[in-house]
C-alpha atoms as a PDB file:
ATOM      1  CA  MET A   1      -9.867  -7.946 -10.864  1.00  0.00           C
ATOM      2  CA  ARG A   2      -9.527  -7.334  -7.124  1.00  0.00           C
ATOM      3  CA  GLY A   3      -5.748  -7.667  -7.374  1.00  0.00           C
ATOM      4  CA  LEU A   4      -5.606  -5.083 -10.152  1.00  0.00           C
ATOM      5  CA  ALA A   5      -7.719  -2.636  -8.150  1.00  0.00           C
ATOM      6  CA  LEU A   6      -5.538  -3.178  -5.103  1.00  0.00           C
ATOM      7  CA  ARG A   7      -2.385  -2.511  -7.130  1.00  0.00           C
ATOM      8  CA  ALA A   8      -3.940   0.634  -8.629  1.00  0.00           C
ATOM      9  CA  ALA A   9      -4.905   1.891  -5.163  1.00  0.00           C
ATOM     10  CA  ARG A  10      -1.395   1.290  -3.866  1.00  0.00           C
ATOM     11  CA  ALA A  11       0.145   3.053  -6.872  1.00  0.00           C
ATOM     12  CA  ALA A  12      -2.181   6.032  -6.422  1.00  0.00           C
ATOM     13  CA  LEU A  13      -1.244   6.241  -2.769  1.00  0.00           C
ATOM     14  CA  TRP A  14       2.471   6.164  -3.613  1.00  0.00           C
ATOM     15  CA  VAL A  15       1.911   9.052  -6.036  1.00  0.00           C
ATOM     16  CA  ALA A  16      -0.349  11.167  -3.824  1.00  0.00           C
ATOM     17  CA  LEU A  17       1.688  10.929  -0.643  1.00  0.00           C
ATOM     18  CA  PRO A  18       4.887  12.517  -2.056  1.00  0.00           C
ATOM     19  CA  ALA A  19       2.808  15.134  -3.878  1.00  0.00           C
ATOM     20  CA  GLU A  20       1.083  16.160  -0.655  1.00  0.00           C
ATOM     21  CA  LEU A  21       4.394  16.150   1.228  1.00  0.00           C
ATOM     22  CA  THR A  22       5.983  18.323  -1.460  1.00  0.00           C
ATOM     23  CA  LEU A  23       3.091  20.754  -1.238  1.00  0.00           C
ATOM     24  CA  VAL A  24       3.435  20.989   2.553  1.00  0.00           C
ATOM     25  CA  VAL A  25       7.197  21.581   2.305  1.00  0.00           C
ATOM     26  CA  CYS A  26       6.648  24.315  -0.283  1.00  0.00           C
ATOM     27  CA  LEU A  27       3.960  25.987   1.825  1.00  0.00           C
ATOM     28  CA  VAL A  28       6.123  25.880   4.954  1.00  0.00           C
ATOM     29  CA  GLY A  29       9.070  27.190   2.943  1.00  0.00           C
ATOM     30  CA  GLY A  30       7.085  30.239   1.870  1.00  0.00           C
ATOM     31  CA  VAL A  31       6.549  29.362  -1.785  1.00  0.00           C
ATOM     32  CA  ARG A  32       3.408  30.923  -3.217  1.00  0.00           C
ATOM     33  CA  ILE A  33       1.075  28.255  -4.512  1.00  0.00           C
ATOM     34  CA  THR A  34      -1.803  29.163  -6.801  1.00  0.00           C
ATOM     35  CA  GLY A  35      -5.323  28.245  -5.807  1.00  0.00           C
ATOM     36  CA  ALA A  36      -5.681  25.890  -8.773  1.00  0.00           C
ATOM     37  CA  VAL A  37      -2.697  23.820  -7.620  1.00  0.00           C
ATOM     38  CA  LEU A  38      -4.037  23.609  -4.064  1.00  0.00           C
ATOM     39  CA  VAL A  39      -7.438  22.519  -5.318  1.00  0.00           C
ATOM     40  CA  ALA A  40      -5.893  19.939  -7.666  1.00  0.00           C
ATOM     41  CA  VAL A  41      -3.679  18.400  -4.990  1.00  0.00           C
ATOM     42  CA  GLU A  42      -6.462  18.264  -2.439  1.00  0.00           C
ATOM     43  CA  ALA A  43      -8.801  16.717  -5.039  1.00  0.00           C
ATOM     44  CA  LEU A  44      -6.092  14.121  -5.714  1.00  0.00           C
ATOM     45  CA  VAL A  45      -5.889  13.292  -2.012  1.00  0.00           C
ATOM     46  CA  VAL A  46      -9.673  13.001  -1.663  1.00  0.00           C
ATOM     47  CA  GLY A  47      -9.792  10.822  -4.783  1.00  0.00           C
ATOM     48  CA  VAL A  48      -7.095   8.509  -3.444  1.00  0.00           C
ATOM     49  CA  LEU A  49      -8.899   8.192  -0.117  1.00  0.00           C
ATOM     50  CA  ALA A  50     -12.141   7.342  -1.933  1.00  0.00           C
ATOM     51  CA  LEU A  51     -10.312   4.789  -4.088  1.00  0.00           C
ATOM     52  CA  GLU A  52      -8.720   3.214  -1.018  1.00  0.00           C
ATOM     53  CA  ALA A  53     -12.098   2.992   0.700  1.00  0.00           C
ATOM     54  CA  ALA A  54     -13.724   1.464  -2.394  1.00  0.00           C
ATOM     55  CA  VAL A  55     -10.984  -1.152  -2.690  1.00  0.00           C
ATOM     56  CA  MET A  56     -10.492  -1.957   0.985  1.00  0.00           C
ATOM     57  CA  TRP A  57     -14.125  -2.118   2.123  1.00  0.00           C
ATOM     58  CA  PRO A  58     -14.965  -5.333   0.212  1.00  0.00           C
ATOM     59  CA  LEU A  59     -11.748  -6.930   1.482  1.00  0.00           C
ATOM     60  CA  TYR A  60     -12.631  -5.939   5.033  1.00  0.00           C
ATOM     61  CA  THR A  61     -16.176  -7.279   4.816  1.00  0.00           C
ATOM     62  CA  ALA A  62     -14.987 -10.547   3.263  1.00  0.00           C
ATOM     63  CA  ARG A  63     -12.558 -11.091   6.129  1.00  0.00           C
ATOM     64  CA  ARG A  64     -15.215 -10.255   8.694  1.00  0.00           C
ATOM     65  CA  ARG A  65     -17.564 -12.810   7.110  1.00  0.00           C
ATOM     66  CA  ALA A  66     -14.764 -15.373   7.164  1.00  0.00           C
ATOM     67  CA  GLY A  67     -14.571 -14.978  10.939  1.00  0.00           C
ATOM     68  CA  GLU A  68     -11.526 -12.831  11.429  1.00  0.00           C
ATOM     69  CA  ALA A  69     -11.866 -10.365  14.272  1.00  0.00           C
ATOM     70  CA  GLY A  70     -10.109  -7.565  12.421  1.00  0.00           C
ATOM     71  CA  GLY A  71      -7.117  -7.498  14.717  1.00  0.00           C
ATOM     72  CA  VAL A  72      -9.174  -7.079  17.880  1.00  0.00           C
ATOM     73  CA  ARG A  73      -8.665 -10.319  19.726  1.00  0.00           C
ATOM     74  CA  PRO A  74      -8.738 -10.887  23.461  1.00  0.00           C
ATOM     75  CA  ALA A  75      -5.415 -11.660  25.029  1.00  0.00           C
ATOM     76  CA  ALA A  76      -4.692 -15.226  26.065  1.00  0.00           C
ATOM     77  CA  GLY A  77      -6.384 -15.851  29.371  1.00  0.00           C
ATOM     78  CA  ALA A  78      -8.295 -12.568  29.260  1.00  0.00           C
ATOM     79  CA  GLU A  79     -11.353 -14.239  30.776  1.00  0.00           C
ATOM     80  CA  ARG A  80      -9.391 -15.017  33.941  1.00  0.00           C
ATOM     81  CA  GLU A  81      -8.974 -12.537  36.748  1.00  0.00           C
ATOM     82  CA  ARG A  82      -6.065 -10.184  36.219  1.00  0.00           C
ATOM     83  CA  PRO A  83      -3.301 -10.403  38.836  1.00  0.00           C
ATOM     84  CA  HIS A  84      -2.656  -7.401  41.030  1.00  0.00           C
ATOM     85  CA  ALA A  85       0.295  -5.190  40.290  1.00  0.00           C
ATOM     86  CA  PRO A  86       3.323  -5.741  42.532  1.00  0.00           C
ATOM     87  CA  VAL A  87       3.734  -3.255  45.336  1.00  0.00           C
ATOM     88  CA  PRO A  88       6.956  -1.225  45.052  1.00  0.00           C
ATOM     89  CA  ARG A  89       9.353  -1.626  47.987  1.00  0.00           C
END
């Protein structure tokens, strides 16, 4: 089930991103957009963000419980004293 939700979230993102980009290009180009279209596109974006959060949060928490640091790892030898920067000549 998690794989299906992840695929659905990715598909929604791939649909919403070009729609939002198209809207921005039209607005910059001077095309008049009705209020209903603006509201619909922005609701689509908010819905996709909520879907992404609902799908990704359990994956994130599962990885944190498994012991992964979430990409924030100290560099090798970070506990040692850092060497001084060379002095330019």
